[in-house]
C-alpha atoms as a PDB file:
ATOM      1  CA  MET A   1      18.660 -10.308   4.690  1.00  0.00           C
ATOM      2  CA  SER A   2      19.364  -6.918   3.137  1.00  0.00           C
ATOM      3  CA  ARG A   3      15.713  -5.913   2.739  1.00  0.00           C
ATOM      4  CA  PRO A   4      15.095  -2.736   4.745  1.00  0.00           C
ATOM      5  CA  ILE A   5      12.349  -2.660   7.364  1.00  0.00           C
ATOM      6  CA  THR A   6      10.272   0.501   7.291  1.00  0.00           C
ATOM      7  CA  LEU A   7       7.152   1.872   8.929  1.00  0.00           C
ATOM      8  CA  PHE A   8       4.262   3.407   6.997  1.00  0.00           C
ATOM      9  CA  THR A   9       3.507   6.663   8.789  1.00  0.00           C
ATOM     10  CA  GLY A  10      -0.168   6.971   7.818  1.00  0.00           C
ATOM     11  CA  GLN A  11      -1.418   5.782  11.199  1.00  0.00           C
ATOM     12  CA  TRP A  12       1.040   8.106  12.967  1.00  0.00           C
ATOM     13  CA  ALA A  13       0.232  11.356  11.180  1.00  0.00           C
ATOM     14  CA  ASP A  14      -0.676  13.012  14.479  1.00  0.00           C
ATOM     15  CA  LEU A  15       3.023  13.035  15.437  1.00  0.00           C
ATOM     16  CA  LYS A  16       5.668  15.415  14.128  1.00  0.00           C
ATOM     17  CA  LEU A  17       8.109  13.694  11.796  1.00  0.00           C
ATOM     18  CA  GLU A  18      11.066  14.361  14.113  1.00  0.00           C
ATOM     19  CA  ILE A  19       9.304  12.708  17.044  1.00  0.00           C
ATOM     20  CA  LEU A  20       8.205   9.723  14.991  1.00  0.00           C
ATOM     21  CA  ALA A  21      11.613   9.261  13.375  1.00  0.00           C
ATOM     22  CA  GLU A  22      13.353   9.227  16.747  1.00  0.00           C
ATOM     23  CA  LYS A  23      10.889   6.647  18.089  1.00  0.00           C
ATOM     24  CA  MET A  24      11.143   4.321  15.113  1.00  0.00           C
ATOM     25  CA  ALA A  25      14.922   4.511  14.993  1.00  0.00           C
ATOM     26  CA  SER A  26      14.999   3.441  18.645  1.00  0.00           C
ATOM     27  CA  PHE A  27      12.716   0.504  17.762  1.00  0.00           C
ATOM     28  CA  GLY A  28      15.191  -0.678  15.115  1.00  0.00           C
ATOM     29  CA  TYR A  29      13.594   0.455  11.853  1.00  0.00           C
ATOM     30  CA  ASP A  30      15.726   1.236   8.802  1.00  0.00           C
ATOM     31  CA  GLY A  31      13.439   3.916   7.410  1.00  0.00           C
ATOM     32  CA  LEU A  32       9.972   5.373   7.015  1.00  0.00           C
ATOM     33  CA  GLU A  33       7.391   5.195   4.248  1.00  0.00           C
ATOM     34  CA  LEU A  34       6.103   8.749   4.442  1.00  0.00           C
ATOM     35  CA  ALA A  35       2.374   9.427   4.192  1.00  0.00           C
ATOM     36  CA  CYS A  36       1.380  12.472   2.170  1.00  0.00           C
ATOM     37  CA  TRP A  37      -0.977  13.811   4.810  1.00  0.00           C
ATOM     38  CA  GLY A  38      -0.375  15.397   8.162  1.00  0.00           C
ATOM     39  CA  GLU A  39       2.976  17.176   8.067  1.00  0.00           C
ATOM     40  CA  HIS A  40       5.186  14.214   7.201  1.00  0.00           C
ATOM     41  CA  PHE A  41       5.423  14.960   3.471  1.00  0.00           C
ATOM     42  CA  ASP A  42       3.849  17.837   1.570  1.00  0.00           C
ATOM     43  CA  ILE A  43       3.237  16.939  -2.077  1.00  0.00           C
ATOM     44  CA  LEU A  44       2.986  20.523  -3.308  1.00  0.00           C
ATOM     45  CA  GLN A  45       6.234  21.612  -1.681  1.00  0.00           C
ATOM     46  CA  ALA A  46       8.055  18.441  -2.695  1.00  0.00           C
ATOM     47  CA  ALA A  47       6.970  18.646  -6.334  1.00  0.00           C
ATOM     48  CA  ASN A  48       8.357  22.169  -6.584  1.00  0.00           C
ATOM     49  CA  SER A  49      11.355  22.140  -4.274  1.00  0.00           C
ATOM     50  CA  LYS A  50      14.270  19.740  -4.112  1.00  0.00           C
ATOM     51  CA  ARG A  51      15.418  21.720  -1.119  1.00  0.00           C
ATOM     52  CA  TYR A  52      12.253  20.757   0.784  1.00  0.00           C
ATOM     53  CA  CYS A  53      12.843  17.120  -0.166  1.00  0.00           C
ATOM     54  CA  GLN A  54      16.404  17.276   1.110  1.00  0.00           C
ATOM     55  CA  GLU A  55      15.166  18.787   4.373  1.00  0.00           C
ATOM     56  CA  ARG A  56      12.800  15.821   4.812  1.00  0.00           C
ATOM     57  CA  ARG A  57      15.664  13.440   4.116  1.00  0.00           C
ATOM     58  CA  ASP A  58      17.859  15.299   6.580  1.00  0.00           C
ATOM     59  CA  VAL A  59      15.290  14.755   9.336  1.00  0.00           C
ATOM     60  CA  LEU A  60      15.387  11.011   8.706  1.00  0.00           C
ATOM     61  CA  LYS A  61      19.162  10.931   8.316  1.00  0.00           C
ATOM     62  CA  ARG A  62      19.574  12.597  11.705  1.00  0.00           C
ATOM     63  CA  PHE A  63      18.171   9.417  13.238  1.00  0.00           C
ATOM     64  CA  GLY A  64      19.901   6.997  10.859  1.00  0.00           C
ATOM     65  CA  LEU A  65      16.798   6.398   8.738  1.00  0.00           C
ATOM     66  CA  ASP A  66      16.256   6.261   4.974  1.00  0.00           C
ATOM     67  CA  ILE A  67      13.255   6.316   2.628  1.00  0.00           C
ATOM     68  CA  TRP A  68      12.265   4.138  -0.331  1.00  0.00           C
ATOM     69  CA  ALA A  69       8.613   5.104  -0.950  1.00  0.00           C
ATOM     70  CA  ILE A  70       5.963   7.720  -0.250  1.00  0.00           C
ATOM     71  CA  SER A  71       2.234   7.008  -0.029  1.00  0.00           C
ATOM     72  CA  ASN A  72      -0.673   9.093  -1.258  1.00  0.00           C
ATOM     73  CA  HIS A  73      -3.640   6.813  -0.621  1.00  0.00           C
ATOM     74  CA  LEU A  74      -6.230   9.412   0.333  1.00  0.00           C
ATOM     75  CA  VAL A  75      -5.965  11.676  -2.701  1.00  0.00           C
ATOM     76  CA  GLY A  76      -5.538   8.687  -5.006  1.00  0.00           C
ATOM     77  CA  GLN A  77      -8.832   7.278  -3.754  1.00  0.00           C
ATOM     78  CA  ALA A  78     -10.656  10.303  -5.147  1.00  0.00           C
ATOM     79  CA  THR A  79      -9.360   9.952  -8.703  1.00  0.00           C
ATOM     80  CA  CYS A  80     -11.888   7.285  -9.726  1.00  0.00           C
ATOM     81  CA  ASP A  81     -14.408   7.051  -6.892  1.00  0.00           C
ATOM     82  CA  ARG A  82     -18.053   8.060  -6.969  1.00  0.00           C
ATOM     83  CA  ILE A  83     -17.494  11.102  -4.766  1.00  0.00           C
ATOM     84  CA  ASP A  84     -19.776  11.613  -1.759  1.00  0.00           C
ATOM     85  CA  THR A  85     -19.631  13.306   1.630  1.00  0.00           C
ATOM     86  CA  ARG A  86     -17.358  10.602   3.079  1.00  0.00           C
ATOM     87  CA  HIS A  87     -14.489  11.869   0.955  1.00  0.00           C
ATOM     88  CA  LYS A  88     -14.577  15.299   2.552  1.00  0.00           C
ATOM     89  CA  ALA A  89     -13.223  13.763   5.763  1.00  0.00           C
ATOM     90  CA  ILE A  90     -10.110  12.322   4.096  1.00  0.00           C
ATOM     91  CA  LEU A  91      -9.227  14.954   1.489  1.00  0.00           C
ATOM     92  CA  PRO A  92      -7.365  18.241   1.882  1.00  0.00           C
ATOM     93  CA  ILE A  93      -9.560  21.269   1.234  1.00  0.00           C
ATOM     94  CA  ARG A  94      -7.617  22.074  -1.939  1.00  0.00           C
ATOM     95  CA  ILE A  95      -8.820  18.745  -3.401  1.00  0.00           C
ATOM     96  CA  TRP A  96     -12.348  18.808  -1.960  1.00  0.00           C
ATOM     97  CA  GLY A  97     -13.038  22.402  -2.992  1.00  0.00           C
ATOM     98  CA  ASP A  98     -16.787  22.843  -3.379  1.00  0.00           C
ATOM     99  CA  GLY A  99     -17.343  19.071  -3.377  1.00  0.00           C
ATOM    100  CA  ASP A 100     -18.480  18.882  -7.002  1.00  0.00           C
ATOM    101  CA  PRO A 101     -17.580  15.267  -7.938  1.00  0.00           C
ATOM    102  CA  GLY A 102     -16.069  16.076 -11.321  1.00  0.00           C
ATOM    103  CA  GLY A 103     -13.911  18.821  -9.860  1.00  0.00           C
ATOM    104  CA  VAL A 104     -12.758  16.633  -6.965  1.00  0.00           C
ATOM    105  CA  ARG A 105     -11.674  13.844  -9.310  1.00  0.00           C
ATOM    106  CA  LYS A 106      -9.893  16.251 -11.632  1.00  0.00           C
ATOM    107  CA  ARG A 107      -7.970  17.936  -8.809  1.00  0.00           C
ATOM    108  CA  ALA A 108      -7.077  14.557  -7.309  1.00  0.00           C
ATOM    109  CA  ALA A 109      -5.712  13.353 -10.649  1.00  0.00           C
ATOM    110  CA  GLU A 110      -3.546  16.452 -10.999  1.00  0.00           C
ATOM    111  CA  GLU A 111      -2.146  15.941  -7.512  1.00  0.00           C
ATOM    112  CA  MET A 112      -1.258  12.331  -8.281  1.00  0.00           C
ATOM    113  CA  LYS A 113       0.834  13.663 -11.155  1.00  0.00           C
ATOM    114  CA  LEU A 114       2.555  15.933  -8.651  1.00  0.00           C
ATOM    115  CA  ALA A 115       3.184  12.911  -6.421  1.00  0.00           C
ATOM    116  CA  ALA A 116       5.317  11.401  -9.174  1.00  0.00           C
ATOM    117  CA  LYS A 117       7.350  14.606  -9.455  1.00  0.00           C
ATOM    118  CA  ALA A 118       7.657  14.820  -5.678  1.00  0.00           C
ATOM    119  CA  ALA A 119       9.027  11.273  -5.510  1.00  0.00           C
ATOM    120  CA  ALA A 120      11.542  12.026  -8.237  1.00  0.00           C
ATOM    121  CA  ASN A 121      12.693  15.155  -6.381  1.00  0.00           C
ATOM    122  CA  LEU A 122      13.063  13.067  -3.228  1.00  0.00           C
ATOM    123  CA  GLY A 123      15.253  10.595  -5.107  1.00  0.00           C
ATOM    124  CA  ILE A 124      12.947   7.570  -4.835  1.00  0.00           C
ATOM    125  CA  ASN A 125      11.085   5.621  -7.504  1.00  0.00           C
ATOM    126  CA  VAL A 126       7.892   4.308  -5.855  1.00  0.00           C
ATOM    127  CA  VAL A 127       4.619   5.994  -4.921  1.00  0.00           C
ATOM    128  CA  VAL A 128       2.186   3.730  -3.074  1.00  0.00           C
ATOM    129  CA  GLY A 129      -1.507   4.487  -3.124  1.00  0.00           C
ATOM    130  CA  PHE A 130      -5.096   3.900  -4.115  1.00  0.00           C
ATOM    131  CA  THR A 131      -7.075   4.642  -7.272  1.00  0.00           C
ATOM    132  CA  GLY A 132     -10.619   4.304  -5.989  1.00  0.00           C
ATOM    133  CA  SER A 133     -13.190   2.666  -8.241  1.00  0.00           C
ATOM    134  CA  PRO A 134     -16.174   3.863 -10.275  1.00  0.00           C
ATOM    135  CA  ILE A 135     -17.758   0.392 -10.059  1.00  0.00           C
ATOM    136  CA  TRP A 136     -17.165  -0.828  -6.508  1.00  0.00           C
ATOM    137  CA  HIS A 137     -20.831  -0.168  -5.732  1.00  0.00           C
ATOM    138  CA  LEU A 138     -21.661  -2.823  -8.348  1.00  0.00           C
ATOM    139  CA  LEU A 139     -19.779  -5.559  -6.481  1.00  0.00           C
ATOM    140  CA  TYR A 140     -22.871  -7.698  -5.927  1.00  0.00           C
ATOM    141  CA  SER A 141     -24.815  -8.368  -9.075  1.00  0.00           C
ATOM    142  CA  PHE A 142     -28.344  -7.617  -7.923  1.00  0.00           C
ATOM    143  CA  PRO A 143     -30.111  -5.902  -9.468  1.00  0.00           C
ATOM    144  CA  PRO A 144     -28.225  -7.701 -12.237  1.00  0.00           C
ATOM    145  CA  ASN A 145     -25.182  -5.816 -13.511  1.00  0.00           C
ATOM    146  CA  ASP A 146     -24.750  -4.878 -17.143  1.00  0.00           C
ATOM    147  CA  PRO A 147     -21.333  -6.223 -18.270  1.00  0.00           C
ATOM    148  CA  ASN A 148     -20.966  -3.153 -20.466  1.00  0.00           C
ATOM    149  CA  GLU A 149     -21.218  -0.925 -17.404  1.00  0.00           C
ATOM    150  CA  ILE A 150     -18.490  -2.935 -15.668  1.00  0.00           C
ATOM    151  CA  GLN A 151     -16.249  -2.641 -18.708  1.00  0.00           C
ATOM    152  CA  LYS A 152     -16.965   1.089 -18.864  1.00  0.00           C
ATOM    153  CA  GLY A 153     -15.708   1.338 -15.282  1.00  0.00           C
ATOM    154  CA  TYR A 154     -12.375  -0.171 -16.255  1.00  0.00           C
ATOM    155  CA  LYS A 155     -12.189   2.100 -19.293  1.00  0.00           C
ATOM    156  CA  ASP A 156     -12.928   5.134 -17.108  1.00  0.00           C
ATOM    157  CA  PHE A 157     -10.073   4.079 -14.831  1.00  0.00           C
ATOM    158  CA  ALA A 158      -7.709   3.801 -17.801  1.00  0.00           C
ATOM    159  CA  ASP A 159      -8.828   7.163 -19.205  1.00  0.00           C
ATOM    160  CA  ILE A 160      -8.120   8.838 -15.860  1.00  0.00           C
ATOM    161  CA  TRP A 161      -4.891   7.037 -15.018  1.00  0.00           C
ATOM    162  CA  ASN A 162      -3.077   6.860 -18.356  1.00  0.00           C
ATOM    163  CA  PRO A 163      -2.350  10.623 -18.288  1.00  0.00           C
ATOM    164  CA  ILE A 164      -1.218  10.270 -14.667  1.00  0.00           C
ATOM    165  CA  LEU A 165       1.032   7.370 -15.610  1.00  0.00           C
ATOM    166  CA  ASP A 166       2.495   9.402 -18.474  1.00  0.00           C
ATOM    167  CA  VAL A 167       3.973  11.695 -15.816  1.00  0.00           C
ATOM    168  CA  PHE A 168       5.193   8.757 -13.727  1.00  0.00           C
ATOM    169  CA  GLU A 169       6.863   7.359 -16.819  1.00  0.00           C
ATOM    170  CA  ASP A 170       8.434  10.696 -17.737  1.00  0.00           C
ATOM    171  CA  VAL A 171      10.099  11.121 -14.324  1.00  0.00           C
ATOM    172  CA  GLY A 172      11.101   7.472 -13.856  1.00  0.00           C
ATOM    173  CA  VAL A 173       8.767   6.690 -10.939  1.00  0.00           C
ATOM    174  CA  ARG A 174       6.438   3.701 -10.542  1.00  0.00           C
ATOM    175  CA  PHE A 175       2.974   3.633  -8.999  1.00  0.00           C
ATOM    176  CA  ALA A 176       2.213   0.720  -6.664  1.00  0.00           C
ATOM    177  CA  LEU A 177      -1.531   0.234  -6.264  1.00  0.00           C
ATOM    178  CA  GLU A 178      -2.453  -1.283  -2.928  1.00  0.00           C
ATOM    179  CA  VAL A 179      -4.840  -4.045  -3.994  1.00  0.00           C
ATOM    180  CA  HIS A 180      -7.714  -3.523  -1.624  1.00  0.00           C
ATOM    181  CA  PRO A 181     -11.512  -3.611  -1.410  1.00  0.00           C
ATOM    182  CA  THR A 182     -13.018  -0.362  -2.785  1.00  0.00           C
ATOM    183  CA  GLU A 183     -10.209  -0.148  -5.390  1.00  0.00           C
ATOM    184  CA  ILE A 184     -10.443  -0.893  -9.115  1.00  0.00           C
ATOM    185  CA  ALA A 185      -8.264  -3.958  -8.346  1.00  0.00           C
ATOM    186  CA  TYR A 186      -9.101  -5.835  -5.165  1.00  0.00           C
ATOM    187  CA  ASP A 187      -8.148  -9.452  -5.956  1.00  0.00           C
ATOM    188  CA  ILE A 188      -6.155 -11.478  -8.490  1.00  0.00           C
ATOM    189  CA  VAL A 189      -8.760 -11.465 -11.260  1.00  0.00           C
ATOM    190  CA  THR A 190      -9.379  -7.718 -11.090  1.00  0.00           C
ATOM    191  CA  SER A 191      -5.646  -7.024 -10.879  1.00  0.00           C
ATOM    192  CA  GLU A 192      -5.143  -8.962 -14.103  1.00  0.00           C
ATOM    193  CA  ARG A 193      -7.955  -6.983 -15.711  1.00  0.00           C
ATOM    194  CA  VAL A 194      -6.492  -3.643 -14.650  1.00  0.00           C
ATOM    195  CA  LEU A 195      -3.084  -4.450 -16.114  1.00  0.00           C
ATOM    196  CA  LYS A 196      -4.686  -5.450 -19.399  1.00  0.00           C
ATOM    197  CA  GLU A 197      -6.763  -2.255 -19.489  1.00  0.00           C
ATOM    198  CA  ILE A 198      -3.651  -0.047 -19.308  1.00  0.00           C
ATOM    199  CA  ASP A 199      -1.733  -2.261 -21.753  1.00  0.00           C
ATOM    200  CA  TYR A 200       0.645  -3.562 -19.064  1.00  0.00           C
ATOM    201  CA  ARG A 201       2.509  -0.300 -18.602  1.00  0.00           C
ATOM    202  CA  ASP A 202       5.747  -0.875 -16.671  1.00  0.00           C
ATOM    203  CA  CYS A 203       5.199   2.135 -14.427  1.00  0.00           C
ATOM    204  CA  PHE A 204       2.083   0.554 -12.870  1.00  0.00           C
ATOM    205  CA  GLY A 205       2.342  -2.318 -10.423  1.00  0.00           C
ATOM    206  CA  PHE A 206       1.217  -3.341  -6.970  1.00  0.00           C
ATOM    207  CA  ASN A 207       1.813  -2.755  -3.318  1.00  0.00           C
ATOM    208  CA  PHE A 208       1.455  -6.260  -1.920  1.00  0.00           C
ATOM    209  CA  ASP A 209      -0.511  -6.217   1.333  1.00  0.00           C
ATOM    210  CA  PRO A 210      -1.489  -9.758   2.361  1.00  0.00           C
ATOM    211  CA  SER A 211      -4.090  -8.666   4.913  1.00  0.00           C
ATOM    212  CA  HIS A 212      -6.576  -7.394   2.337  1.00  0.00           C
ATOM    213  CA  LEU A 213      -6.274 -10.594   0.336  1.00  0.00           C
ATOM    214  CA  PHE A 214      -6.421 -13.027   3.232  1.00  0.00           C
ATOM    215  CA  TRP A 215      -9.752 -11.925   4.675  1.00  0.00           C
ATOM    216  CA  GLN A 216     -11.230 -12.277   1.180  1.00  0.00           C
ATOM    217  CA  MET A 217     -10.019 -15.896   1.391  1.00  0.00           C
ATOM    218  CA  ILE A 218      -7.365 -15.376  -1.288  1.00  0.00           C
ATOM    219  CA  ASP A 219      -3.990 -17.051  -0.740  1.00  0.00           C
ATOM    220  CA  PRO A 220      -1.483 -14.161  -0.583  1.00  0.00           C
ATOM    221  CA  ASP A 221       1.249 -16.373  -2.004  1.00  0.00           C
ATOM    222  CA  LYS A 222      -0.852 -16.949  -5.119  1.00  0.00           C
ATOM    223  CA  PHE A 223      -0.904 -13.187  -5.666  1.00  0.00           C
ATOM    224  CA  ILE A 224       2.898 -13.039  -5.569  1.00  0.00           C
ATOM    225  CA  GLU A 225       3.096 -15.996  -7.949  1.00  0.00           C
ATOM    226  CA  SER A 226       0.623 -14.300 -10.304  1.00  0.00           C
ATOM    227  CA  PHE A 227       2.509 -10.991 -10.500  1.00  0.00           C
ATOM    228  CA  PRO A 228       6.211 -11.712  -9.887  1.00  0.00           C
ATOM    229  CA  ASP A 229       7.363  -8.715 -11.944  1.00  0.00           C
ATOM    230  CA  ARG A 230       4.746  -6.295 -10.597  1.00  0.00           C
ATOM    231  CA  ILE A 231       5.406  -6.342  -6.857  1.00  0.00           C
ATOM    232  CA  TYR A 232       6.891  -2.863  -6.463  1.00  0.00           C
ATOM    233  CA  HIS A 233       6.418  -2.517  -2.704  1.00  0.00           C
ATOM    234  CA  VAL A 234       5.350  -4.675   0.259  1.00  0.00           C
ATOM    235  CA  HIS A 235       3.264  -3.916   3.328  1.00  0.00           C
ATOM    236  CA  ILE A 236       3.463  -6.192   6.338  1.00  0.00           C
ATOM    237  CA  LYS A 237       0.047  -6.259   7.995  1.00  0.00           C
ATOM    238  CA  ASP A 238      -1.762  -9.127   9.682  1.00  0.00           C
ATOM    239  CA  VAL A 239      -5.435 -10.041   9.946  1.00  0.00           C
ATOM    240  CA  ALA A 240      -7.550 -12.542  11.854  1.00  0.00           C
ATOM    241  CA  ILE A 241     -10.704 -14.147  10.512  1.00  0.00           C
ATOM    242  CA  THR A 242     -13.138 -14.525  13.404  1.00  0.00           C
ATOM    243  CA  THR A 243     -16.255 -15.942  11.758  1.00  0.00           C
ATOM    244  CA  ASP A 244     -18.116 -18.306  14.090  1.00  0.00           C
ATOM    245  CA  GLY A 245     -21.253 -19.184  12.158  1.00  0.00           C
ATOM    246  CA  ARG A 246     -23.107 -16.079  13.324  1.00  0.00           C
ATOM    247  CA  ASN A 247     -20.999 -13.168  12.123  1.00  0.00           C
ATOM    248  CA  SER A 248     -20.225 -12.138   8.558  1.00  0.00           C
ATOM    249  CA  ILE A 249     -17.050 -11.802   6.528  1.00  0.00           C
ATOM    250  CA  LEU A 250     -18.667  -8.580   5.232  1.00  0.00           C
ATOM    251  CA  SER A 251     -18.317  -7.083   8.747  1.00  0.00           C
ATOM    252  CA  SER A 252     -21.968  -6.028   9.148  1.00  0.00           C
ATOM    253  CA  HIS A 253     -21.127  -2.284   9.112  1.00  0.00           C
ATOM    254  CA  LEU A 254     -19.360  -2.746  12.462  1.00  0.00           C
ATOM    255  CA  ASN A 255     -16.289  -0.688  13.344  1.00  0.00           C
ATOM    256  CA  PHE A 256     -12.822  -2.222  13.642  1.00  0.00           C
ATOM    257  CA  GLY A 257     -12.365  -3.811  17.053  1.00  0.00           C
ATOM    258  CA  GLU A 258     -16.045  -4.679  17.448  1.00  0.00           C
ATOM    259  CA  PRO A 259     -16.163  -8.323  18.671  1.00  0.00           C
ATOM    260  CA  ARG A 260     -19.098  -9.184  16.401  1.00  0.00           C
ATOM    261  CA  ARG A 261     -17.071  -8.545  13.232  1.00  0.00           C
ATOM    262  CA  GLY A 262     -16.099 -11.522  11.102  1.00  0.00           C
ATOM    263  CA  TRP A 263     -12.503 -10.324  10.675  1.00  0.00           C
ATOM    264  CA  ASP A 264     -10.150  -7.677  12.025  1.00  0.00           C
ATOM    265  CA  PHE A 265      -6.626  -6.400  11.505  1.00  0.00           C
ATOM    266  CA  ARG A 266      -3.881  -7.568  13.849  1.00  0.00           C
ATOM    267  CA  SER A 267      -0.355  -6.477  14.590  1.00  0.00           C
ATOM    268  CA  PRO A 268       2.141  -8.502  12.490  1.00  0.00           C
ATOM    269  CA  GLY A 269       2.568 -11.998  13.895  1.00  0.00           C
ATOM    270  CA  ARG A 270      -0.628 -11.795  15.944  1.00  0.00           C
ATOM    271  CA  GLY A 271      -3.078 -12.885  13.256  1.00  0.00           C
ATOM    272  CA  ASP A 272      -3.651 -15.769  10.850  1.00  0.00           C
ATOM    273  CA  ILE A 273      -1.216 -14.960   8.037  1.00  0.00           C
ATOM    274  CA  ASP A 274       1.767 -17.265   7.488  1.00  0.00           C
ATOM    275  CA  PHE A 275       4.462 -14.668   6.867  1.00  0.00           C
ATOM    276  CA  GLU A 276       7.180 -17.288   6.432  1.00  0.00           C
ATOM    277  CA  LEU A 277       5.470 -18.474   3.255  1.00  0.00           C
ATOM    278  CA  ILE A 278       5.319 -14.882   2.073  1.00  0.00           C
ATOM    279  CA  ILE A 279       9.053 -14.378   2.695  1.00  0.00           C
ATOM    280  CA  ARG A 280       9.785 -17.545   0.731  1.00  0.00           C
ATOM    281  CA  SER A 281       7.598 -16.323  -2.153  1.00  0.00           C
ATOM    282  CA  LEU A 282       9.247 -12.893  -2.147  1.00  0.00           C
ATOM    283  CA  ASN A 283      12.639 -14.598  -2.217  1.00  0.00           C
ATOM    284  CA  ARG A 284      11.595 -16.682  -5.221  1.00  0.00           C
ATOM    285  CA  ILE A 285      10.636 -13.596  -7.250  1.00  0.00           C
ATOM    286  CA  GLY A 286      13.783 -11.743  -6.185  1.00  0.00           C
ATOM    287  CA  TYR A 287      12.032  -8.915  -4.351  1.00  0.00           C
ATOM    288  CA  LYS A 288      14.658  -6.768  -2.622  1.00  0.00           C
ATOM    289  CA  GLY A 289      12.601  -3.706  -1.686  1.00  0.00           C
ATOM    290  CA  PRO A 290      11.424  -2.660   1.760  1.00  0.00           C
ATOM    291  CA  LEU A 291       9.157  -4.626   4.060  1.00  0.00           C
ATOM    292  CA  SER A 292       6.986  -1.833   5.377  1.00  0.00           C
ATOM    293  CA  VAL A 293       4.940  -2.280   8.521  1.00  0.00           C
ATOM    294  CA  GLU A 294       1.434  -0.890   8.178  1.00  0.00           C
ATOM    295  CA  TRP A 295       0.456  -1.124  11.797  1.00  0.00           C
ATOM    296  CA  GLU A 296      -3.294  -1.424  12.460  1.00  0.00           C
ATOM    297  CA  ASP A 297      -4.539  -3.140  15.598  1.00  0.00           C
ATOM    298  CA  VAL A 298      -7.256  -1.269  17.439  1.00  0.00           C
ATOM    299  CA  GLU A 299      -6.808  -3.384  20.592  1.00  0.00           C
ATOM    300  CA  MET A 300      -3.045  -2.884  20.995  1.00  0.00           C
ATOM    301  CA  ASN A 301      -0.933   0.090  22.036  1.00  0.00           C
ATOM    302  CA  ARG A 302       0.643   1.262  18.791  1.00  0.00           C
ATOM    303  CA  GLU A 303       4.149   1.799  20.165  1.00  0.00           C
ATOM    304  CA  HIS A 304       4.162  -1.699  21.596  1.00  0.00           C
ATOM    305  CA  GLY A 305       2.930  -2.986  18.251  1.00  0.00           C
ATOM    306  CA  ALA A 306       5.444  -1.078  16.149  1.00  0.00           C
ATOM    307  CA  LYS A 307       8.402  -2.169  18.258  1.00  0.00           C
ATOM    308  CA  GLU A 308       7.266  -5.791  18.335  1.00  0.00           C
ATOM    309  CA  ALA A 309       6.556  -5.791  14.580  1.00  0.00           C
ATOM    310  CA  CYS A 310      10.062  -4.618  13.732  1.00  0.00           C
ATOM    311  CA  GLN A 311      11.628  -7.391  15.782  1.00  0.00           C
ATOM    312  CA  PHE A 312       9.183  -9.927  14.337  1.00  0.00           C
ATOM    313  CA  ILE A 313      10.244  -9.092  10.778  1.00  0.00           C
ATOM    314  CA  LYS A 314      13.950  -9.074  11.624  1.00  0.00           C
ATOM    315  CA  GLU A 315      13.663 -12.596  12.974  1.00  0.00           C
ATOM    316  CA  LEU A 316      11.456 -13.687  10.072  1.00  0.00           C
ATOM    317  CA  ASP A 317      13.254 -12.305   7.025  1.00  0.00           C
ATOM    318  CA  PHE A 318      15.904 -14.616   5.631  1.00  0.00           C
ATOM    319  CA  GLU A 319      18.034 -14.807   2.525  1.00  0.00           C
ATOM    320  CA  GLN A 320      17.369 -17.454  -0.109  1.00  0.00           C
ATOM    321  CA  SER A 321      19.946 -20.237  -0.287  1.00  0.00           C
ATOM    322  CA  LYS A 322      22.499 -19.893  -3.066  1.00  0.00           C
ATOM    323  CA  GLN A 323      23.193 -23.630  -3.263  1.00  0.00           C
ATOM    324  CA  ALA A 324      21.354 -26.923  -2.880  1.00  0.00           C
ATOM    325  CA  PHE A 325      21.416 -28.176   0.713  1.00  0.00           C
ATOM    326  CA  ASP A 326      22.711 -31.613  -0.396  1.00  0.00           C
ATOM    327  CA  LYS A 327      25.632 -30.221  -2.383  1.00  0.00           C
ATOM    328  CA  ALA A 328      27.902 -30.703   0.626  1.00  0.00           C
ATOM    329  CA  PHE A 329      27.222 -34.458   0.655  1.00  0.00           C
ATOM    330  CA  GLY A 330      29.914 -34.930  -1.965  1.00  0.00           C
ATOM    331  CA  SER A 331      32.533 -32.870  -0.175  1.00  0.00           C
ATOM    332  CA  SER A 332      34.114 -35.930   1.477  1.00  0.00           C
ATOM    333  CA  ARG A 333      35.117 -37.515  -1.806  1.00  0.00           C
END
């Protein structure tokens, strides 16, 4: 199949880009999905300098790699979230500033606009990321939620993101929200609601990551079927549900890798997701973009996992048939 296999560099931001690129090229990857933290891709430089963007491309090209998307999850998370001290750990100081919530959200929104310009300067048309959510804390309706407050949360999202999307639209770049708990869209129903709230703008779609759907007990294939024209990027990440009657699907505030959790991420092919069904669904909707490994498995050496994941996808990905299998039955006539 012609779909490129890439690696999301977010979990590798401790390595210099040159070192990481050389490693992933040797593992068989076609490219990298650059994270906009660490030193892999600097939004401010990229938004203002095509020369910087070409230098980043040249690093990848030196090892035979290409790029189809950048990812700005951490700053995107702060655009709509209820800001607290947790955000200080994930945000650059220029976004955190003095920590005033309104200022943090405003600066984050402006940087997401720059992400669109940076992508355009890099010559790509997809930015993957998060939006955060002003209403995630209202997930469980007790004390009972006011429906008007929920609707206000969606309106607040639209008010914040429509000006951001105006810039994406102007420069010909699309935003792919990674549907994920803590985001304004975390399942099929909320994804439908988000699209409606922004009047189905073409520049807003989804980064399909089956792992975050599966542990919520959502069939990932149903998500693809629900949004065939909105899958702008794909992450390959696995997950295992480990509930045994004692532990909780809500994870009990336990860290990843803790045996008492009710679910945990796994290296692709090592968990419960049926990736063959996903490939078939992606074929049916005509998705031709990258399959990007987001490697997260706290119990496995990451280089082992990244190398194995690349080979797993190469063996898994197949082209859709261009003719009915029984067409040849009449060839003897």
